[in-house]
């Protein structure tokens, strides 16, 4: 059975998981701020040692690939690539918004996150970008994406096509609180859900089984950087659109 290390560093949360197949067996994390460079190696060592494993026992490393904090993503992905290269094991990338949505779905299954109708509800993880801008994507409760990952400047019309009356639209993540008043309305709800490496476990195992691996030498974080700059600037009328 595969033994997969998971690394989540795309926000202010530094989180490391260890999973055998689809089963989470260890989790170490902190949401105290951007201290990833100091904490990450320690957390990796702790999840391995506490379960009597050494790095050579790992089958793969999964990492949250973005979008998110530029520095946080660089730290996590550089560490993951170094481990994979040194150990000769594959690298698996999982989108940060998908991972966050899976954490919300797990919280619902565990009774932590209340959702009235999990057959029709939509999940919208949001990662803070700047001002009223977030990285976001909409998922159903099966974590099937309903749109593309994007950088959105939030206003009262944002995600209108996903917010019909009577259907729950749950927003969460470190970019959601600032959007709660703007997106208020029937069915829209803000929830406290934080990124965690436990959200990597399911998709990482599926990727491992399917042999979907990244090129260690050339893989880079998914920043959405050009899209953010161009869209935000034009939206404020500071650059010509032609």
Protein backbone atom coordinates (compact mmCIF):
# COMPACT_ATOMS: atom_id res chain seq x y z
CA UNK A 1 0.00 0.00 0.00
CA UNK A 2 1.28 3.47 -0.92
CA UNK A 3 2.66 5.79 1.76
CA UNK A 4 2.17 9.39 0.65
CA UNK A 5 3.41 12.56 2.35
CA UNK A 6 1.22 15.64 1.83
CA UNK A 7 2.40 19.26 2.00
CA UNK A 8 0.07 22.28 2.18
CA UNK A 9 1.72 25.72 2.43
CA UNK A 10 -0.27 27.93 0.05
CA UNK A 11 -1.76 30.18 2.76
CA UNK A 12 -0.90 31.11 6.35
CA UNK A 13 -1.48 27.44 7.28
CA UNK A 14 1.50 25.11 7.29
CA UNK A 15 0.21 21.53 7.19
CA UNK A 16 1.76 18.11 6.64
CA UNK A 17 -0.10 14.81 6.33
CA UNK A 18 0.91 11.19 6.07
CA UNK A 19 -1.46 8.71 4.49
CA UNK A 20 -1.43 5.01 3.71
CA UNK A 21 -3.62 4.67 0.67
CA UNK A 22 -6.74 6.75 1.36
CA UNK A 23 -6.32 6.57 5.13
CA UNK A 24 -4.89 9.56 6.97
CA UNK A 25 -2.52 8.29 9.65
CA UNK A 26 -0.80 11.50 10.79
CA UNK A 27 -1.36 15.25 10.56
CA UNK A 28 0.73 18.14 11.86
CA UNK A 29 -0.23 21.75 11.20
CA UNK A 30 -0.18 25.33 12.38
CA UNK A 31 -2.28 28.35 11.43
CA UNK A 32 -0.26 30.85 13.45
CA UNK A 33 1.12 32.70 10.42
CA UNK A 34 3.71 32.51 7.67
CA UNK A 35 6.42 30.53 9.44
CA UNK A 36 6.60 27.73 6.89
CA UNK A 37 10.33 27.85 6.30
CA UNK A 38 10.92 27.04 9.99
CA UNK A 39 8.08 24.59 10.55
CA UNK A 40 7.85 22.47 7.41
CA UNK A 41 10.92 20.24 7.80
CA UNK A 42 10.10 19.73 11.49
CA UNK A 43 6.54 18.65 10.71
CA UNK A 44 7.72 16.22 8.03
CA UNK A 45 10.15 14.65 10.46
CA UNK A 46 7.49 14.43 13.18
CA UNK A 47 4.79 12.70 11.10
CA UNK A 48 7.32 10.12 9.91
CA UNK A 49 9.03 9.46 13.26
CA UNK A 50 5.78 9.27 15.23
CA UNK A 51 4.69 6.39 13.01
CA UNK A 52 8.08 4.63 12.87
CA UNK A 53 8.78 5.55 9.26
CA UNK A 54 11.83 7.03 7.56
CA UNK A 55 11.83 9.09 4.34
CA UNK A 56 12.91 6.04 2.35
CA UNK A 57 9.54 4.42 3.17
CA UNK A 58 7.64 7.05 1.19
CA UNK A 59 6.00 6.10 -2.10
CA UNK A 60 5.34 9.69 -3.26
CA UNK A 61 5.02 13.28 -2.11
CA UNK A 62 1.85 15.28 -2.80
CA UNK A 63 1.87 19.06 -2.68
CA UNK A 64 -0.75 21.78 -2.90
CA UNK A 65 0.06 23.44 -6.22
CA UNK A 66 -1.76 26.77 -5.98
CA UNK A 67 -3.08 29.33 -6.42
CA UNK A 68 -2.04 30.94 -3.17
CA UNK A 69 0.77 32.77 -1.44
CA UNK A 70 3.80 33.14 -3.71
CA UNK A 71 6.30 32.52 -0.90
CA UNK A 72 4.28 29.77 0.75
CA UNK A 73 3.87 27.83 -2.48
CA UNK A 74 7.57 28.16 -3.30
CA UNK A 75 8.57 26.76 0.10
CA UNK A 76 6.21 23.79 -0.12
CA UNK A 77 6.93 22.88 -3.71
CA UNK A 78 10.69 23.31 -3.37
CA UNK A 79 10.66 20.99 -0.36
CA UNK A 80 8.49 18.43 -2.16
CA UNK A 81 10.70 18.46 -5.24
CA UNK A 82 13.84 18.08 -3.16
CA UNK A 83 12.42 15.05 -1.35
CA UNK A 84 11.22 13.44 -4.57
CA UNK A 85 14.52 13.99 -6.33
CA UNK A 86 16.61 12.75 -3.41
CA UNK A 87 14.44 9.69 -2.76
CA UNK A 88 13.71 8.86 -6.39
CA UNK A 89 9.93 8.94 -5.87
CA UNK A 90 7.15 10.66 -7.84
CA UNK A 91 5.72 14.13 -7.25
CA UNK A 92 1.94 14.61 -7.19
CA UNK A 93 0.27 18.02 -7.51
CA UNK A 94 -3.21 18.82 -6.19
CA UNK A 95 -4.95 22.14 -6.83
CA UNK A 96 -5.20 24.23 -3.66
CA UNK A 97 -8.88 25.05 -4.18
CA UNK A 98 -9.81 21.42 -4.80
CA UNK A 99 -7.94 20.42 -1.66
CA UNK A 100 -9.75 23.09 0.38
CA UNK A 101 -13.12 21.98 -1.00
CA UNK A 102 -12.35 18.41 0.06
CA UNK A 103 -11.62 19.59 3.59
CA UNK A 104 -15.07 21.23 3.66
CA UNK A 105 -16.73 18.06 2.36
CA UNK A 106 -14.93 15.98 5.01
CA UNK A 107 -16.02 18.43 7.71
CA UNK A 108 -19.61 18.01 6.56
CA UNK A 109 -19.34 14.21 6.63
CA UNK A 110 -17.91 14.43 10.14
CA UNK A 111 -20.78 16.64 11.33
CA UNK A 112 -18.56 19.70 11.77
CA UNK A 113 -19.95 21.71 8.85
CA UNK A 114 -23.73 21.85 8.66
CA UNK A 115 -25.18 21.78 5.14
CA UNK A 116 -28.94 21.43 4.82
CA UNK A 117 -29.03 19.63 1.46
CA UNK A 118 -25.79 18.00 0.39
CA UNK A 119 -27.30 16.93 -2.93
CA UNK A 120 -27.74 20.48 -4.22
CA UNK A 121 -25.30 22.59 -2.19
CA UNK A 122 -22.31 24.23 -3.83
CA UNK A 123 -18.91 24.83 -2.24
CA UNK A 124 -16.85 27.89 -3.10
CA UNK A 125 -13.37 27.88 -1.55
CA UNK A 126 -11.68 31.28 -1.63
CA UNK A 127 -8.01 32.09 -1.15
CA UNK A 128 -7.11 35.70 -0.44
CA UNK A 129 -5.41 37.53 -3.30
CA UNK A 130 -5.62 41.28 -2.61
CA UNK A 131 -8.16 43.91 -1.60
CA UNK A 132 -11.55 42.51 -2.75
CA UNK A 133 -9.88 39.92 -4.97
CA UNK A 134 -9.83 36.18 -4.35
CA UNK A 135 -8.75 33.00 -6.07
CA UNK A 136 -11.86 30.85 -6.24
CA UNK A 137 -13.61 27.92 -7.88
CA UNK A 138 -17.06 26.41 -7.41
CA UNK A 139 -17.57 22.70 -6.69
CA UNK A 140 -20.56 20.49 -6.03
CA UNK A 141 -20.55 18.21 -2.99
CA UNK A 142 -18.87 15.44 -4.99
CA UNK A 143 -16.00 17.90 -5.59
CA UNK A 144 -16.79 18.12 -9.28
CA UNK A 145 -15.72 21.56 -10.55
CA UNK A 146 -18.52 23.77 -11.86
CA UNK A 147 -16.26 26.44 -13.37
CA UNK A 148 -12.59 27.19 -13.92
CA UNK A 149 -10.12 28.36 -11.31
CA UNK A 150 -10.01 32.14 -11.49
CA UNK A 151 -9.01 35.38 -9.84
CA UNK A 152 -12.18 37.33 -9.05
CA UNK A 153 -12.77 40.89 -7.91
CA UNK A 154 -15.82 40.35 -5.73
CA UNK A 155 -18.98 42.43 -6.06
CA UNK A 156 -22.67 41.78 -5.45
CA UNK A 157 -23.02 40.01 -8.82
CA UNK A 158 -20.12 37.60 -8.37
CA UNK A 159 -21.08 33.94 -8.90
CA UNK A 160 -24.68 35.01 -9.59
CA UNK A 161 -25.18 32.01 -11.87
CA UNK A 162 -24.47 29.70 -8.93
CA UNK A 163 -26.65 31.47 -6.37
CA UNK A 164 -30.28 30.74 -7.27
CA UNK A 165 -32.87 31.07 -4.53
CA UNK A 166 -33.10 28.09 -2.22
CA UNK A 167 -29.72 26.56 -3.08
CA UNK A 168 -26.94 26.72 -0.49
CA UNK A 169 -23.77 28.45 -1.67
CA UNK A 170 -21.09 27.97 0.96
CA UNK A 171 -18.04 30.25 0.90
CA UNK A 172 -14.96 29.55 3.00
CA UNK A 173 -11.18 29.89 3.12
CA UNK A 174 -8.98 32.84 4.09
CA UNK A 175 -10.46 35.01 1.35
CA UNK A 176 -14.11 34.42 2.19
CA UNK A 177 -14.68 36.54 5.31
CA UNK A 178 -14.07 39.81 3.47
CA UNK A 179 -16.61 38.73 0.81
CA UNK A 180 -19.41 37.65 3.15
CA UNK A 181 -21.25 40.99 3.25
CA UNK A 182 -20.85 41.58 -0.48
CA UNK A 183 -22.27 38.14 -1.33
CA UNK A 184 -25.03 38.16 1.27
CA UNK A 185 -28.37 36.82 0.12
CA UNK A 186 -30.65 33.81 0.21
CA UNK A 187 -28.68 30.59 0.42
CA UNK A 188 -25.22 32.19 0.76
CA UNK A 189 -23.35 31.18 3.88
CA UNK A 190 -19.86 31.84 5.23
CA UNK A 191 -18.20 28.86 6.96
CA UNK A 192 -14.98 28.51 8.94
CA UNK A 193 -12.93 26.00 6.92
CA UNK A 194 -9.14 26.21 6.79
CA UNK A 195 -6.70 24.63 4.33
CA UNK A 196 -5.20 21.35 5.51
CA UNK A 197 -2.97 18.67 4.02
CA UNK A 198 -5.73 16.16 4.82
CA UNK A 199 -7.48 17.55 1.73
CA UNK A 200 -4.64 16.14 -0.38
CA UNK A 201 -5.10 12.52 0.71
CA UNK A 202 -7.91 11.38 -1.59
CA UNK A 203 -6.79 13.06 -4.83
CA UNK A 204 -3.14 12.16 -4.18
CA UNK A 205 -3.97 8.48 -3.84
CA UNK A 206 -6.10 8.58 -7.01
CA UNK A 207 -3.23 10.24 -8.90
CA UNK A 208 -0.76 7.69 -7.55
CA UNK A 209 -2.95 4.79 -8.65
CA UNK A 210 -3.36 6.33 -12.11
CA UNK A 211 0.32 7.23 -12.47
CA UNK A 212 -0.39 10.97 -12.84
CA UNK A 213 2.92 12.45 -11.77
CA UNK A 214 4.67 15.78 -12.32
CA UNK A 215 8.05 16.39 -13.93
CA UNK A 216 10.24 17.15 -10.91
CA UNK A 217 12.64 19.32 -12.89
CA UNK A 218 10.07 21.57 -14.56
CA UNK A 219 7.02 21.65 -12.31
CA UNK A 220 6.13 25.13 -11.04
CA UNK A 221 3.38 26.46 -8.75
CA UNK A 222 0.10 27.60 -10.30
CA UNK A 223 0.18 31.30 -9.43
CA UNK A 224 -2.51 32.78 -11.72
CA UNK A 225 -0.09 35.72 -11.54
CA UNK A 226 -0.54 37.24 -15.01
CA UNK A 227 -4.30 36.87 -14.85
CA UNK A 228 -4.50 38.64 -11.51
CA UNK A 229 -2.45 41.65 -12.59
CA UNK A 230 -4.17 42.14 -15.95
CA UNK A 231 -7.74 41.71 -14.73
CA UNK A 232 -7.38 43.77 -11.56
CA UNK A 233 -5.71 46.68 -13.35
CA UNK A 234 -8.15 46.85 -16.24
CA UNK A 235 -11.10 46.56 -13.88
CA UNK A 236 -9.94 49.74 -12.19
CA UNK A 237 -9.52 51.53 -15.53
CA UNK A 238 -5.79 52.05 -15.20
CA UNK A 239 -4.74 50.39 -18.44
CA UNK A 240 -6.24 50.42 -21.94
CA UNK A 241 -8.06 47.23 -22.91
CA UNK A 242 -6.87 47.23 -26.51
